[in-house]
């Protein structure tokens, strides 16, 4: 994200959630819960709001702040989705968008 801006946080969250669902061929009914984390420099809005706006109002959502590590990549939003799927863990598509690809080049797809 270029800046800590409410609209940018919501747009980035919508993009991330939508991409995770699409790449993993998930239906919202497959979602058990989603945990969102944001680096300490992102405080303008709760990422869960964007998920609710996407129609995930009945999915338990939680937001948390990442620990403030001095050399960490700034302005990063992450999610960990707990899902009901017949897929093996090795088949799950891990989504890293924009500059976040640098975090895990080994599993970014």
PDB file of N, CA and C in Angstrom:
ATOM      1  N   UNK A   1       0.833  -1.164   0.000  1.00  0.00           N
ATOM      2  CA  UNK A   1       0.000   0.000   0.000  1.00  0.00           C
ATOM      3  C   UNK A   1       0.885   1.236   0.000  1.00  0.00           C
ATOM      4  N   UNK A   2       0.501   2.201  -0.745  1.00  0.00           N
ATOM      5  CA  UNK A   2       1.305   3.417  -0.848  1.00  0.00           C
ATOM      6  C   UNK A   2       1.204   4.283   0.406  1.00  0.00           C
ATOM      7  N   UNK A   3       0.044   4.247   1.064  1.00  0.00           N
ATOM      8  CA  UNK A   3      -0.154   5.101   2.235  1.00  0.00           C
ATOM      9  C   UNK A   3      -1.219   4.499   3.139  1.00  0.00           C
ATOM     10  N   UNK A   4      -1.249   4.975   4.381  1.00  0.00           N
ATOM     11  CA  UNK A   4      -2.296   4.567   5.313  1.00  0.00           C
ATOM     12  C   UNK A   4      -3.504   5.462   5.062  1.00  0.00           C
ATOM     13  N   UNK A   5      -4.336   5.037   4.154  1.00  0.00           N
ATOM     14  CA  UNK A   5      -5.515   5.788   3.752  1.00  0.00           C
ATOM     15  C   UNK A   5      -6.709   4.839   3.835  1.00  0.00           C
ATOM     16  N   UNK A   6      -7.805   5.295   4.391  1.00  0.00           N
ATOM     17  CA  UNK A   6      -8.974   4.441   4.598  1.00  0.00           C
ATOM     18  C   UNK A   6      -9.404   3.739   3.313  1.00  0.00           C
ATOM     19  N   UNK A   7      -9.561   4.495   2.238  1.00  0.00           N
ATOM     20  CA  UNK A   7     -10.003   3.892   0.975  1.00  0.00           C
ATOM     21  C   UNK A   7      -8.991   2.889   0.446  1.00  0.00           C
ATOM     22  N   UNK A   8      -7.715   3.186   0.627  1.00  0.00           N
ATOM     23  CA  UNK A   8      -6.679   2.270   0.149  1.00  0.00           C
ATOM     24  C   UNK A   8      -6.677   0.967   0.950  1.00  0.00           C
ATOM     25  N   UNK A   9      -6.872   1.060   2.260  1.00  0.00           N
ATOM     26  CA  UNK A   9      -6.947  -0.146   3.093  1.00  0.00           C
ATOM     27  C   UNK A   9      -8.149  -0.994   2.675  1.00  0.00           C
ATOM     28  N   UNK A  10      -9.285  -0.355   2.474  1.00  0.00           N
ATOM     29  CA  UNK A  10     -10.482  -1.099   2.080  1.00  0.00           C
ATOM     30  C   UNK A  10     -10.332  -1.710   0.691  1.00  0.00           C
ATOM     31  N   UNK A  11      -9.794  -0.949  -0.256  1.00  0.00           N
ATOM     32  CA  UNK A  11      -9.584  -1.473  -1.615  1.00  0.00           C
ATOM     33  C   UNK A  11      -8.615  -2.649  -1.612  1.00  0.00           C
ATOM     34  N   UNK A  12      -7.505  -2.504  -0.889  1.00  0.00           N
ATOM     35  CA  UNK A  12      -6.501  -3.572  -0.837  1.00  0.00           C
ATOM     36  C   UNK A  12      -7.074  -4.826  -0.175  1.00  0.00           C
ATOM     37  N   UNK A  13      -7.882  -4.640   0.857  1.00  0.00           N
ATOM     38  CA  UNK A  13      -8.494  -5.784   1.536  1.00  0.00           C
ATOM     39  C   UNK A  13      -9.478  -6.492   0.622  1.00  0.00           C
ATOM     40  N   UNK A  14     -10.312  -5.722  -0.067  1.00  0.00           N
ATOM     41  CA  UNK A  14     -11.259  -6.334  -1.009  1.00  0.00           C
ATOM     42  C   UNK A  14     -10.515  -7.123  -2.083  1.00  0.00           C
ATOM     43  N   UNK A  15      -9.432  -6.545  -2.600  1.00  0.00           N
ATOM     44  CA  UNK A  15      -8.636  -7.232  -3.620  1.00  0.00           C
ATOM     45  C   UNK A  15      -8.046  -8.531  -3.070  1.00  0.00           C
ATOM     46  N   UNK A  16      -7.501  -8.480  -1.862  1.00  0.00           N
ATOM     47  CA  UNK A  16      -6.883  -9.661  -1.266  1.00  0.00           C
ATOM     48  C   UNK A  16      -7.911 -10.762  -1.012  1.00  0.00           C
ATOM     49  N   UNK A  17      -9.020 -10.416  -0.389  1.00  0.00           N
ATOM     50  CA  UNK A  17     -10.053 -11.414  -0.087  1.00  0.00           C
ATOM     51  C   UNK A  17     -10.600 -12.023  -1.380  1.00  0.00           C
ATOM     52  N   UNK A  18     -10.918 -11.185  -2.337  1.00  0.00           N
ATOM     53  CA  UNK A  18     -11.462 -11.671  -3.612  1.00  0.00           C
ATOM     54  C   UNK A  18     -10.481 -12.583  -4.332  1.00  0.00           C
ATOM     55  N   UNK A  19      -9.211 -12.224  -4.314  1.00  0.00           N
ATOM     56  CA  UNK A  19      -8.191 -13.029  -4.994  1.00  0.00           C
ATOM     57  C   UNK A  19      -7.997 -14.372  -4.304  1.00  0.00           C
ATOM     58  N   UNK A  20      -7.995 -14.386  -2.983  1.00  0.00           N
ATOM     59  CA  UNK A  20      -7.873 -15.647  -2.240  1.00  0.00           C
ATOM     60  C   UNK A  20      -9.047 -16.571  -2.582  1.00  0.00           C
ATOM     61  N   UNK A  21     -10.254 -16.031  -2.577  1.00  0.00           N
ATOM     62  CA  UNK A  21     -11.429 -16.845  -2.893  1.00  0.00           C
ATOM     63  C   UNK A  21     -11.358 -17.376  -4.325  1.00  0.00           C
ATOM     64  N   UNK A  22     -11.005 -16.506  -5.251  1.00  0.00           N
ATOM     65  CA  UNK A  22     -10.951 -16.887  -6.663  1.00  0.00           C
ATOM     66  C   UNK A  22      -9.882 -17.942  -6.942  1.00  0.00           C
ATOM     67  N   UNK A  23      -8.664 -17.692  -6.490  1.00  0.00           N
ATOM     68  CA  UNK A  23      -7.561 -18.619  -6.788  1.00  0.00           C
ATOM     69  C   UNK A  23      -7.734 -19.985  -6.137  1.00  0.00           C
ATOM     70  N   UNK A  24      -8.461 -20.015  -5.035  1.00  0.00           N
ATOM     71  CA  UNK A  24      -8.673 -21.283  -4.342  1.00  0.00           C
ATOM     72  C   UNK A  24     -10.054 -21.877  -4.609  1.00  0.00           C
ATOM     73  N   UNK A  25     -10.774 -21.252  -5.542  1.00  0.00           N
ATOM     74  CA  UNK A  25     -12.106 -21.723  -5.927  1.00  0.00           C
ATOM     75  C   UNK A  25     -12.989 -21.941  -4.702  1.00  0.00           C
ATOM     76  N   UNK A  26     -12.994 -20.940  -3.826  1.00  0.00           N
ATOM     77  CA  UNK A  26     -13.766 -21.016  -2.590  1.00  0.00           C
ATOM     78  C   UNK A  26     -15.070 -20.251  -2.729  1.00  0.00           C
ATOM     79  N   UNK A  27     -16.086 -20.787  -2.126  1.00  0.00           N
ATOM     80  CA  UNK A  27     -17.369 -20.120  -2.001  1.00  0.00           C
ATOM     81  C   UNK A  27     -17.379 -19.499  -0.599  1.00  0.00           C
ATOM     82  N   UNK A  28     -18.022 -18.363  -0.410  1.00  0.00           N
ATOM     83  CA  UNK A  28     -18.073 -17.800   0.946  1.00  0.00           C
ATOM     84  C   UNK A  28     -18.583 -18.789   1.999  1.00  0.00           C
ATOM     85  N   UNK A  29     -19.413 -19.741   1.604  1.00  0.00           N
ATOM     86  CA  UNK A  29     -19.916 -20.746   2.551  1.00  0.00           C
ATOM     87  C   UNK A  29     -18.810 -21.666   3.055  1.00  0.00           C
ATOM     88  N   UNK A  30     -17.675 -21.717   2.352  1.00  0.00           N
ATOM     89  CA  UNK A  30     -16.538 -22.542   2.771  1.00  0.00           C
ATOM     90  C   UNK A  30     -15.727 -21.888   3.892  1.00  0.00           C
ATOM     91  N   UNK A  31     -15.941 -20.603   4.113  1.00  0.00           N
ATOM     92  CA  UNK A  31     -15.148 -19.861   5.100  1.00  0.00           C
ATOM     93  C   UNK A  31     -15.631 -20.147   6.514  1.00  0.00           C
ATOM     94  N   UNK A  32     -14.693 -20.510   7.370  1.00  0.00           N
ATOM     95  CA  UNK A  32     -14.989 -20.716   8.786  1.00  0.00           C
ATOM     96  C   UNK A  32     -14.720 -19.421   9.545  1.00  0.00           C
ATOM     97  N   UNK A  33     -13.574 -18.791   9.271  1.00  0.00           N
ATOM     98  CA  UNK A  33     -13.223 -17.502   9.874  1.00  0.00           C
ATOM     99  C   UNK A  33     -12.037 -16.921   9.114  1.00  0.00           C
ATOM    100  N   UNK A  34     -11.825 -15.624   9.302  1.00  0.00           N
ATOM    101  CA  UNK A  34     -10.664 -14.958   8.705  1.00  0.00           C
ATOM    102  C   UNK A  34     -10.017 -14.074   9.765  1.00  0.00           C
ATOM    103  N   UNK A  35      -8.708 -14.198   9.885  1.00  0.00           N
ATOM    104  CA  UNK A  35      -7.910 -13.330  10.747  1.00  0.00           C
ATOM    105  C   UNK A  35      -7.129 -12.387   9.842  1.00  0.00           C
ATOM    106  N   UNK A  36      -7.309 -11.095  10.034  1.00  0.00           N
ATOM    107  CA  UNK A  36      -6.553 -10.087   9.303  1.00  0.00           C
ATOM    108  C   UNK A  36      -5.486  -9.516  10.221  1.00  0.00           C
ATOM    109  N   UNK A  37      -4.293  -9.293   9.689  1.00  0.00           N
ATOM    110  CA  UNK A  37      -3.282  -8.547  10.435  1.00  0.00           C
ATOM    111  C   UNK A  37      -2.802  -7.405   9.561  1.00  0.00           C
ATOM    112  N   UNK A  38      -2.358  -6.357  10.222  1.00  0.00           N
ATOM    113  CA  UNK A  38      -1.823  -5.189   9.530  1.00  0.00           C
ATOM    114  C   UNK A  38      -0.573  -4.741  10.267  1.00  0.00           C
ATOM    115  N   UNK A  39       0.374  -4.218   9.514  1.00  0.00           N
ATOM    116  CA  UNK A  39       1.564  -3.669  10.157  1.00  0.00           C
ATOM    117  C   UNK A  39       1.143  -2.459  10.990  1.00  0.00           C
ATOM    118  N   UNK A  40       1.930  -2.098  12.010  1.00  0.00           N
ATOM    119  CA  UNK A  40       1.538  -1.025  12.925  1.00  0.00           C
ATOM    120  C   UNK A  40       1.316   0.339  12.266  1.00  0.00           C
ATOM    121  N   UNK A  41       1.773   0.504  11.027  1.00  0.00           N
ATOM    122  CA  UNK A  41       1.595   1.788  10.344  1.00  0.00           C
ATOM    123  C   UNK A  41       0.262   1.885   9.598  1.00  0.00           C
ATOM    124  N   UNK A  42      -0.570   0.866   9.680  1.00  0.00           N
ATOM    125  CA  UNK A  42      -1.898   0.891   9.054  1.00  0.00           C
ATOM    126  C   UNK A  42      -2.965   0.962  10.143  1.00  0.00           C
ATOM    127  N   UNK A  43      -3.540   2.139  10.316  1.00  0.00           N
ATOM    128  CA  UNK A  43      -4.514   2.341  11.387  1.00  0.00           C
ATOM    129  C   UNK A  43      -5.779   3.074  10.932  1.00  0.00           C
ATOM    130  N   UNK A  44      -5.911   3.334   9.648  1.00  0.00           N
ATOM    131  CA  UNK A  44      -7.013   4.173   9.174  1.00  0.00           C
ATOM    132  C   UNK A  44      -8.367   3.463   9.100  1.00  0.00           C
ATOM    133  N   UNK A  45      -8.370   2.123   9.056  1.00  0.00           N
ATOM    134  CA  UNK A  45      -9.638   1.386   9.008  1.00  0.00           C
ATOM    135  C   UNK A  45      -9.403  -0.080   9.348  1.00  0.00           C
ATOM    136  N   UNK A  46     -10.452  -0.729   9.826  1.00  0.00           N
ATOM    137  CA  UNK A  46     -10.397  -2.165  10.083  1.00  0.00           C
ATOM    138  C   UNK A  46     -10.523  -2.906   8.754  1.00  0.00           C
ATOM    139  N   UNK A  47      -9.592  -3.793   8.412  1.00  0.00           N
ATOM    140  CA  UNK A  47      -9.719  -4.567   7.175  1.00  0.00           C
ATOM    141  C   UNK A  47     -11.008  -5.401   7.126  1.00  0.00           C
ATOM    142  N   UNK A  48     -11.489  -5.839   8.263  1.00  0.00           N
ATOM    143  CA  UNK A  48     -12.705  -6.657   8.293  1.00  0.00           C
ATOM    144  C   UNK A  48     -13.907  -5.929   7.694  1.00  0.00           C
ATOM    145  N   UNK A  49     -13.917  -4.617   7.745  1.00  0.00           N
ATOM    146  CA  UNK A  49     -15.025  -3.861   7.159  1.00  0.00           C
ATOM    147  C   UNK A  49     -15.156  -4.164   5.669  1.00  0.00           C
ATOM    148  N   UNK A  50     -14.036  -4.240   4.970  1.00  0.00           N
ATOM    149  CA  UNK A  50     -14.071  -4.536   3.534  1.00  0.00           C
ATOM    150  C   UNK A  50     -14.635  -5.929   3.280  1.00  0.00           C
ATOM    151  N   UNK A  51     -14.286  -6.889   4.132  1.00  0.00           N
ATOM    152  CA  UNK A  51     -14.823  -8.244   3.976  1.00  0.00           C
ATOM    153  C   UNK A  51     -16.334  -8.245   4.189  1.00  0.00           C
ATOM    154  N   UNK A  52     -16.792  -7.486   5.160  1.00  0.00           N
ATOM    155  CA  UNK A  52     -18.236  -7.379   5.390  1.00  0.00           C
ATOM    156  C   UNK A  52     -18.918  -6.769   4.165  1.00  0.00           C
ATOM    157  N   UNK A  53     -18.277  -5.763   3.570  1.00  0.00           N
ATOM    158  CA  UNK A  53     -18.831  -5.123   2.372  1.00  0.00           C
ATOM    159  C   UNK A  53     -18.886  -6.085   1.190  1.00  0.00           C
ATOM    160  N   UNK A  54     -18.057  -7.122   1.205  1.00  0.00           N
ATOM    161  CA  UNK A  54     -18.078  -8.144   0.154  1.00  0.00           C
ATOM    162  C   UNK A  54     -19.150  -9.207   0.404  1.00  0.00           C
ATOM    163  N   UNK A  55     -19.897  -9.062   1.486  1.00  0.00           N
ATOM    164  CA  UNK A  55     -20.964 -10.010   1.777  1.00  0.00           C
ATOM    165  C   UNK A  55     -20.593 -11.097   2.763  1.00  0.00           C
ATOM    166  N   UNK A  56     -19.496 -10.929   3.472  1.00  0.00           N
ATOM    167  CA  UNK A  56     -19.064 -11.945   4.430  1.00  0.00           C
ATOM    168  C   UNK A  56     -19.525 -11.613   5.849  1.00  0.00           C
ATOM    169  N   UNK A  57     -20.716 -11.078   5.965  1.00  0.00           N
ATOM    170  CA  UNK A  57     -21.240 -10.648   7.254  1.00  0.00           C
ATOM    171  C   UNK A  57     -21.454 -11.754   8.265  1.00  0.00           C
ATOM    172  N   UNK A  58     -21.625 -12.997   7.797  1.00  0.00           N
ATOM    173  CA  UNK A  58     -21.852 -14.097   8.733  1.00  0.00           C
ATOM    174  C   UNK A  58     -20.584 -14.896   9.031  1.00  0.00           C
ATOM    175  N   UNK A  59     -19.445 -14.436   8.505  1.00  0.00           N
ATOM    176  CA  UNK A  59     -18.157 -15.097   8.746  1.00  0.00           C
ATOM    177  C   UNK A  59     -17.464 -14.393   9.914  1.00  0.00           C
ATOM    178  N   UNK A  60     -17.040 -15.114  10.952  1.00  0.00           N
ATOM    179  CA  UNK A  60     -16.296 -14.465  12.025  1.00  0.00           C
ATOM    180  C   UNK A  60     -14.995 -13.856  11.477  1.00  0.00           C
ATOM    181  N   UNK A  61     -14.789 -12.583  11.768  1.00  0.00           N
ATOM    182  CA  UNK A  61     -13.619 -11.849  11.291  1.00  0.00           C
ATOM    183  C   UNK A  61     -12.925 -11.201  12.473  1.00  0.00           C
ATOM    184  N   UNK A  62     -11.601 -11.191  12.450  1.00  0.00           N
ATOM    185  CA  UNK A  62     -10.834 -10.554  13.513  1.00  0.00           C
ATOM    186  C   UNK A  62      -9.673  -9.797  12.898  1.00  0.00           C
ATOM    187  N   UNK A  63      -9.351  -8.649  13.484  1.00  0.00           N
ATOM    188  CA  UNK A  63      -8.209  -7.847  13.040  1.00  0.00           C
ATOM    189  C   UNK A  63      -7.199  -7.757  14.176  1.00  0.00           C
ATOM    190  N   UNK A  64      -5.918  -7.780  13.813  1.00  0.00           N
ATOM    191  CA  UNK A  64      -4.842  -7.662  14.798  1.00  0.00           C
ATOM    192  C   UNK A  64      -3.684  -6.898  14.171  1.00  0.00           C
ATOM    193  N   UNK A  65      -2.807  -6.402  15.030  1.00  0.00           N
ATOM    194  CA  UNK A  65      -1.622  -5.681  14.572  1.00  0.00           C
ATOM    195  C   UNK A  65      -0.416  -6.604  14.630  1.00  0.00           C
ATOM    196  N   UNK A  66       0.390  -6.580  13.576  1.00  0.00           N
ATOM    197  CA  UNK A  66       1.651  -7.336  13.547  1.00  0.00           C
ATOM    198  C   UNK A  66       2.617  -6.722  14.561  1.00  0.00           C
ATOM    199  N   UNK A  67       3.598  -7.489  15.007  1.00  0.00           N
ATOM    200  CA  UNK A  67       4.611  -6.927  15.899  1.00  0.00           C
ATOM    201  C   UNK A  67       5.478  -5.950  15.102  1.00  0.00           C
ATOM    202  N   UNK A  68       5.964  -4.937  15.779  1.00  0.00           N
ATOM    203  CA  UNK A  68       6.745  -3.873  15.133  1.00  0.00           C
ATOM    204  C   UNK A  68       8.217  -4.268  15.048  1.00  0.00           C
ATOM    205  N   UNK A  69       8.569  -4.973  13.997  1.00  0.00           N
ATOM    206  CA  UNK A  69       9.959  -5.381  13.771  1.00  0.00           C
ATOM    207  C   UNK A  69      10.631  -4.281  12.947  1.00  0.00           C
ATOM    208  N   UNK A  70      11.792  -3.769  13.382  1.00  0.00           N
ATOM    209  CA  UNK A  70      12.419  -2.622  12.710  1.00  0.00           C
ATOM    210  C   UNK A  70      12.640  -2.772  11.205  1.00  0.00           C
ATOM    211  N   UNK A  71      12.978  -3.947  10.722  1.00  0.00           N
ATOM    212  CA  UNK A  71      13.287  -4.112   9.297  1.00  0.00           C
ATOM    213  C   UNK A  71      12.118  -4.696   8.495  1.00  0.00           C
ATOM    214  N   UNK A  72      10.930  -4.710   9.083  1.00  0.00           N
ATOM    215  CA  UNK A  72       9.769  -5.294   8.405  1.00  0.00           C
ATOM    216  C   UNK A  72       9.309  -4.422   7.244  1.00  0.00           C
ATOM    217  N   UNK A  73       8.713  -5.069   6.254  1.00  0.00           N
ATOM    218  CA  UNK A  73       8.133  -4.369   5.117  1.00  0.00           C
ATOM    219  C   UNK A  73       6.977  -3.503   5.626  1.00  0.00           C
ATOM    220  N   UNK A  74       6.938  -2.222   5.261  1.00  0.00           N
ATOM    221  CA  UNK A  74       5.874  -1.346   5.763  1.00  0.00           C
ATOM    222  C   UNK A  74       4.551  -1.528   5.015  1.00  0.00           C
ATOM    223  N   UNK A  75       3.476  -1.113   5.662  1.00  0.00           N
ATOM    224  CA  UNK A  75       2.134  -1.070   5.087  1.00  0.00           C
ATOM    225  C   UNK A  75       1.720  -2.387   4.429  1.00  0.00           C
ATOM    226  N   UNK A  76       1.741  -3.446   5.245  1.00  0.00           N
ATOM    227  CA  UNK A  76       1.374  -4.773   4.751  1.00  0.00           C
ATOM    228  C   UNK A  76       0.115  -5.260   5.469  1.00  0.00           C
ATOM    229  N   UNK A  77      -0.804  -5.748   4.688  1.00  0.00           N
ATOM    230  CA  UNK A  77      -2.037  -6.339   5.178  1.00  0.00           C
ATOM    231  C   UNK A  77      -1.987  -7.829   4.854  1.00  0.00           C
ATOM    232  N   UNK A  78      -2.303  -8.657   5.850  1.00  0.00           N
ATOM    233  CA  UNK A  78      -2.293 -10.106   5.642  1.00  0.00           C
ATOM    234  C   UNK A  78      -3.637 -10.679   6.075  1.00  0.00           C
ATOM    235  N   UNK A  79      -3.919 -11.868   5.565  1.00  0.00           N
ATOM    236  CA  UNK A  79      -5.075 -12.592   6.084  1.00  0.00           C
ATOM    237  C   UNK A  79      -4.730 -14.065   6.193  1.00  0.00           C
ATOM    238  N   UNK A  80      -5.341 -14.703   7.167  1.00  0.00           N
ATOM    239  CA  UNK A  80      -5.267 -16.151   7.299  1.00  0.00           C
ATOM    240  C   UNK A  80      -6.717 -16.624   7.358  1.00  0.00           C
ATOM    241  N   UNK A  81      -7.121 -17.341   6.320  1.00  0.00           N
ATOM    242  CA  UNK A  81      -8.491 -17.834   6.241  1.00  0.00           C
ATOM    243  C   UNK A  81      -8.536 -19.291   6.673  1.00  0.00           C
ATOM    244  N   UNK A  82      -9.469 -19.586   7.532  1.00  0.00           N
ATOM    245  CA  UNK A  82      -9.731 -20.965   7.936  1.00  0.00           C
ATOM    246  C   UNK A  82     -10.913 -21.418   7.088  1.00  0.00           C
ATOM    247  N   UNK A  83     -10.709 -22.488   6.321  1.00  0.00           N
ATOM    248  CA  UNK A  83     -11.735 -22.899   5.369  1.00  0.00           C
ATOM    249  C   UNK A  83     -12.038 -24.389   5.460  1.00  0.00           C
ATOM    250  N   UNK A  84     -13.220 -24.734   5.021  1.00  0.00           N
ATOM    251  CA  UNK A  84     -13.627 -26.130   4.897  1.00  0.00           C
ATOM    252  C   UNK A  84     -13.437 -26.501   3.431  1.00  0.00           C
ATOM    253  N   UNK A  85     -12.436 -27.328   3.155  1.00  0.00           N
ATOM    254  CA  UNK A  85     -12.122 -27.690   1.780  1.00  0.00           C
ATOM    255  C   UNK A  85     -11.607 -29.127   1.716  1.00  0.00           C
ATOM    256  N   UNK A  86     -11.903 -29.809   0.625  1.00  0.00           N
ATOM    257  CA  UNK A  86     -11.355 -31.157   0.453  1.00  0.00           C
ATOM    258  C   UNK A  86      -9.904 -31.137  -0.047  1.00  0.00           C
ATOM    259  N   UNK A  87      -9.396 -29.966  -0.382  1.00  0.00           N
ATOM    260  CA  UNK A  87      -8.037 -29.857  -0.918  1.00  0.00           C
ATOM    261  C   UNK A  87      -6.982 -30.161   0.143  1.00  0.00           C
ATOM    262  N   UNK A  88      -5.895 -30.745  -0.316  1.00  0.00           N
ATOM    263  CA  UNK A  88      -4.737 -30.940   0.559  1.00  0.00           C
ATOM    264  C   UNK A  88      -4.061 -29.588   0.766  1.00  0.00           C
ATOM    265  N   UNK A  89      -3.374 -29.426   1.874  1.00  0.00           N
ATOM    266  CA  UNK A  89      -2.693 -28.164   2.164  1.00  0.00           C
ATOM    267  C   UNK A  89      -1.746 -27.770   1.039  1.00  0.00           C
ATOM    268  N   UNK A  90      -1.103 -28.729   0.407  1.00  0.00           N
ATOM    269  CA  UNK A  90      -0.166 -28.439  -0.683  1.00  0.00           C
ATOM    270  C   UNK A  90      -0.863 -27.852  -1.913  1.00  0.00           C
ATOM    271  N   UNK A  91      -2.169 -28.020  -2.009  1.00  0.00           N
ATOM    272  CA  UNK A  91      -2.923 -27.496  -3.149  1.00  0.00           C
ATOM    273  C   UNK A  91      -3.432 -26.077  -2.925  1.00  0.00           C
ATOM    274  N   UNK A  92      -3.314 -25.577  -1.729  1.00  0.00           N
ATOM    275  CA  UNK A  92      -3.805 -24.236  -1.410  1.00  0.00           C
ATOM    276  C   UNK A  92      -2.938 -23.193  -2.102  1.00  0.00           C
ATOM    277  N   UNK A  93      -3.588 -22.225  -2.717  1.00  0.00           N
ATOM    278  CA  UNK A  93      -2.886 -21.134  -3.395  1.00  0.00           C
ATOM    279  C   UNK A  93      -2.663 -20.000  -2.389  1.00  0.00           C
ATOM    280  N   UNK A  94      -1.414 -19.718  -2.065  1.00  0.00           N
ATOM    281  CA  UNK A  94      -1.077 -18.630  -1.151  1.00  0.00           C
ATOM    282  C   UNK A  94      -0.956 -17.352  -1.962  1.00  0.00           C
ATOM    283  N   UNK A  95      -1.651 -16.326  -1.542  1.00  0.00           N
ATOM    284  CA  UNK A  95      -1.751 -15.098  -2.326  1.00  0.00           C
ATOM    285  C   UNK A  95      -0.916 -13.988  -1.706  1.00  0.00           C
ATOM    286  N   UNK A  96      -0.009 -13.452  -2.497  1.00  0.00           N
ATOM    287  CA  UNK A  96       0.807 -12.295  -2.112  1.00  0.00           C
ATOM    288  C   UNK A  96       0.670 -11.280  -3.230  1.00  0.00           C
ATOM    289  N   UNK A  97       0.124 -10.129  -2.933  1.00  0.00           N
ATOM    290  CA  UNK A  97      -0.117  -9.105  -3.941  1.00  0.00           C
ATOM    291  C   UNK A  97       0.824  -7.927  -3.756  1.00  0.00           C
ATOM    292  N   UNK A  98       1.048  -7.237  -4.843  1.00  0.00           N
ATOM    293  CA  UNK A  98       1.865  -6.018  -4.834  1.00  0.00           C
ATOM    294  C   UNK A  98       3.236  -6.304  -4.224  1.00  0.00           C
ATOM    295  N   UNK A  99       3.721  -5.458  -3.367  1.00  0.00           N
ATOM    296  CA  UNK A  99       5.054  -5.611  -2.789  1.00  0.00           C
ATOM    297  C   UNK A  99       5.179  -6.748  -1.797  1.00  0.00           C
ATOM    298  N   UNK A 100       4.057  -7.311  -1.358  1.00  0.00           N
ATOM    299  CA  UNK A 100       4.099  -8.391  -0.372  1.00  0.00           C
ATOM    300  C   UNK A 100       4.712  -9.674  -0.928  1.00  0.00           C
ATOM    301  N   UNK A 101       4.838  -9.774  -2.234  1.00  0.00           N
ATOM    302  CA  UNK A 101       5.472 -10.955  -2.842  1.00  0.00           C
ATOM    303  C   UNK A 101       6.862 -11.162  -2.251  1.00  0.00           C
ATOM    304  N   UNK A 102       7.535 -10.077  -1.895  1.00  0.00           N
ATOM    305  CA  UNK A 102       8.889 -10.158  -1.335  1.00  0.00           C
ATOM    306  C   UNK A 102       8.923 -10.908  -0.003  1.00  0.00           C
ATOM    307  N   UNK A 103       7.796 -11.010   0.676  1.00  0.00           N
ATOM    308  CA  UNK A 103       7.765 -11.671   1.979  1.00  0.00           C
ATOM    309  C   UNK A 103       7.988 -13.177   1.883  1.00  0.00           C
ATOM    310  N   UNK A 104       7.435 -13.810   0.870  1.00  0.00           N
ATOM    311  CA  UNK A 104       7.528 -15.270   0.750  1.00  0.00           C
ATOM    312  C   UNK A 104       7.612 -15.668  -0.717  1.00  0.00           C
ATOM    313  N   UNK A 105       8.731 -15.382  -1.333  1.00  0.00           N
ATOM    314  CA  UNK A 105       8.904 -15.756  -2.739  1.00  0.00           C
ATOM    315  C   UNK A 105       8.799 -17.266  -2.938  1.00  0.00           C
ATOM    316  N   UNK A 106       9.061 -18.033  -1.870  1.00  0.00           N
ATOM    317  CA  UNK A 106       9.021 -19.492  -1.979  1.00  0.00           C
ATOM    318  C   UNK A 106       7.616 -20.044  -2.172  1.00  0.00           C
ATOM    319  N   UNK A 107       6.590 -19.333  -1.674  1.00  0.00           N
ATOM    320  CA  UNK A 107       5.227 -19.848  -1.830  1.00  0.00           C
ATOM    321  C   UNK A 107       4.283 -18.885  -2.534  1.00  0.00           C
ATOM    322  N   UNK A 108       4.738 -17.693  -2.869  1.00  0.00           N
ATOM    323  CA  UNK A 108       3.874 -16.736  -3.569  1.00  0.00           C
ATOM    324  C   UNK A 108       3.513 -17.284  -4.938  1.00  0.00           C
ATOM    325  N   UNK A 109       2.232 -17.144  -5.304  1.00  0.00           N
ATOM    326  CA  UNK A 109       1.760 -17.674  -6.590  1.00  0.00           C
ATOM    327  C   UNK A 109       1.011 -16.620  -7.357  1.00  0.00           C
TER     328      UNK A 109
END
